[in-house]
């Protein structure tokens, strides 16, 4: 009933959370376009790392209306 995108918010391993989100959406669309009509939220993990705040701001600017939840699994916060 609900999709949850869990992204590496700190961009470790030279990843870009914004690009990862776009890739995941494209993969879902190619599998079944109806999946993109489901409600979803985005979990931004690794907020214990300083780099995550830069990526978080950029993601929010690009997608200002998406439900976004910053968390740190390491610290069990969020």
C-alpha atoms as a PDB file:
ATOM      1  CA  UNK A   1       0.000   0.000   0.000  1.00  0.00           C
ATOM      2  CA  UNK A   2       2.938   2.322   0.581  1.00  0.00           C
ATOM      3  CA  UNK A   3       6.379   2.497  -0.999  1.00  0.00           C
ATOM      4  CA  UNK A   4       9.332   3.531   1.126  1.00  0.00           C
ATOM      5  CA  UNK A   5      12.484   4.687  -0.618  1.00  0.00           C
ATOM      6  CA  UNK A   6      15.484   4.353   1.718  1.00  0.00           C
ATOM      7  CA  UNK A   7      18.354   6.437   0.375  1.00  0.00           C
ATOM      8  CA  UNK A   8      21.977   6.776   1.388  1.00  0.00           C
ATOM      9  CA  UNK A   9      21.634  10.404   2.406  1.00  0.00           C
ATOM     10  CA  UNK A  10      25.361  10.965   2.862  1.00  0.00           C
ATOM     11  CA  UNK A  11      26.271   9.971  -0.674  1.00  0.00           C
ATOM     12  CA  UNK A  12      28.857   7.441   0.441  1.00  0.00           C
ATOM     13  CA  UNK A  13      30.582   5.351  -2.218  1.00  0.00           C
ATOM     14  CA  UNK A  14      30.299   8.329  -4.597  1.00  0.00           C
ATOM     15  CA  UNK A  15      26.510   8.005  -4.735  1.00  0.00           C
ATOM     16  CA  UNK A  16      24.067  10.860  -5.154  1.00  0.00           C
ATOM     17  CA  UNK A  17      20.770  10.359  -3.290  1.00  0.00           C
ATOM     18  CA  UNK A  18      18.900  12.523  -5.777  1.00  0.00           C
ATOM     19  CA  UNK A  19      20.151  10.415  -8.681  1.00  0.00           C
ATOM     20  CA  UNK A  20      19.486   7.188  -6.751  1.00  0.00           C
ATOM     21  CA  UNK A  21      15.874   8.263  -6.216  1.00  0.00           C
ATOM     22  CA  UNK A  22      15.438   9.020  -9.913  1.00  0.00           C
ATOM     23  CA  UNK A  23      16.962   5.635 -10.836  1.00  0.00           C
ATOM     24  CA  UNK A  24      14.658   3.807  -8.438  1.00  0.00           C
ATOM     25  CA  UNK A  25      11.616   5.560  -9.875  1.00  0.00           C
ATOM     26  CA  UNK A  26      12.694   4.720 -13.427  1.00  0.00           C
ATOM     27  CA  UNK A  27      13.205   1.074 -12.479  1.00  0.00           C
ATOM     28  CA  UNK A  28       9.769   0.907 -10.869  1.00  0.00           C
ATOM     29  CA  UNK A  29       8.192   2.535 -13.929  1.00  0.00           C
ATOM     30  CA  UNK A  30       9.827   0.018 -16.243  1.00  0.00           C
ATOM     31  CA  UNK A  31       8.628  -2.862 -14.071  1.00  0.00           C
ATOM     32  CA  UNK A  32       5.066  -1.608 -13.538  1.00  0.00           C
ATOM     33  CA  UNK A  33       4.066   2.047 -14.136  1.00  0.00           C
ATOM     34  CA  UNK A  34       1.196   1.676 -11.664  1.00  0.00           C
ATOM     35  CA  UNK A  35       3.751   1.460  -8.862  1.00  0.00           C
ATOM     36  CA  UNK A  36       4.440   5.169  -9.351  1.00  0.00           C
ATOM     37  CA  UNK A  37       0.812   5.956  -8.528  1.00  0.00           C
ATOM     38  CA  UNK A  38       1.147   4.496  -5.031  1.00  0.00           C
ATOM     39  CA  UNK A  39       1.689   6.671  -1.999  1.00  0.00           C
ATOM     40  CA  UNK A  40       5.308   6.811  -0.909  1.00  0.00           C
ATOM     41  CA  UNK A  41       7.758   8.445   1.410  1.00  0.00           C
ATOM     42  CA  UNK A  42      11.494   8.943   1.273  1.00  0.00           C
ATOM     43  CA  UNK A  43      13.797   7.973   4.144  1.00  0.00           C
ATOM     44  CA  UNK A  44      17.103   9.815   4.098  1.00  0.00           C
ATOM     45  CA  UNK A  45      19.509   7.623   6.069  1.00  0.00           C
ATOM     46  CA  UNK A  46      23.001   8.361   7.446  1.00  0.00           C
ATOM     47  CA  UNK A  47      22.100  11.742   8.897  1.00  0.00           C
ATOM     48  CA  UNK A  48      24.849  11.110  11.448  1.00  0.00           C
ATOM     49  CA  UNK A  49      27.312  12.100   8.685  1.00  0.00           C
ATOM     50  CA  UNK A  50      27.818  15.781   7.952  1.00  0.00           C
ATOM     51  CA  UNK A  51      27.698  15.296   4.168  1.00  0.00           C
ATOM     52  CA  UNK A  52      24.078  14.187   4.466  1.00  0.00           C
ATOM     53  CA  UNK A  53      22.912  17.700   5.324  1.00  0.00           C
ATOM     54  CA  UNK A  54      24.195  19.068   2.009  1.00  0.00           C
ATOM     55  CA  UNK A  55      22.458  16.290   0.078  1.00  0.00           C
ATOM     56  CA  UNK A  56      19.303  16.703   2.154  1.00  0.00           C
ATOM     57  CA  UNK A  57      19.060  20.411   1.343  1.00  0.00           C
ATOM     58  CA  UNK A  58      19.634  19.743  -2.356  1.00  0.00           C
ATOM     59  CA  UNK A  59      17.028  16.973  -2.378  1.00  0.00           C
ATOM     60  CA  UNK A  60      14.471  19.202  -0.640  1.00  0.00           C
ATOM     61  CA  UNK A  61      15.103  22.000  -3.138  1.00  0.00           C
ATOM     62  CA  UNK A  62      14.587  19.617  -6.038  1.00  0.00           C
ATOM     63  CA  UNK A  63      11.554  17.853  -4.545  1.00  0.00           C
ATOM     64  CA  UNK A  64      10.022  20.371  -2.098  1.00  0.00           C
ATOM     65  CA  UNK A  65       6.712  18.553  -1.671  1.00  0.00           C
ATOM     66  CA  UNK A  66       7.885  14.989  -1.107  1.00  0.00           C
ATOM     67  CA  UNK A  67       7.416  13.403   2.317  1.00  0.00           C
ATOM     68  CA  UNK A  68      11.004  13.149   3.538  1.00  0.00           C
ATOM     69  CA  UNK A  69      12.200  11.600   6.792  1.00  0.00           C
ATOM     70  CA  UNK A  70      15.833  12.165   7.821  1.00  0.00           C
ATOM     71  CA  UNK A  71      17.109   9.324  10.010  1.00  0.00           C
ATOM     72  CA  UNK A  72      20.276   7.823  11.372  1.00  0.00           C
ATOM     73  CA  UNK A  73      20.025   4.039  11.614  1.00  0.00           C
ATOM     74  CA  UNK A  74      23.434   4.021  13.302  1.00  0.00           C
ATOM     75  CA  UNK A  75      22.231   6.281  16.114  1.00  0.00           C
ATOM     76  CA  UNK A  76      18.663   4.982  16.002  1.00  0.00           C
ATOM     77  CA  UNK A  77      17.317   8.504  15.516  1.00  0.00           C
ATOM     78  CA  UNK A  78      14.434   9.631  13.400  1.00  0.00           C
END
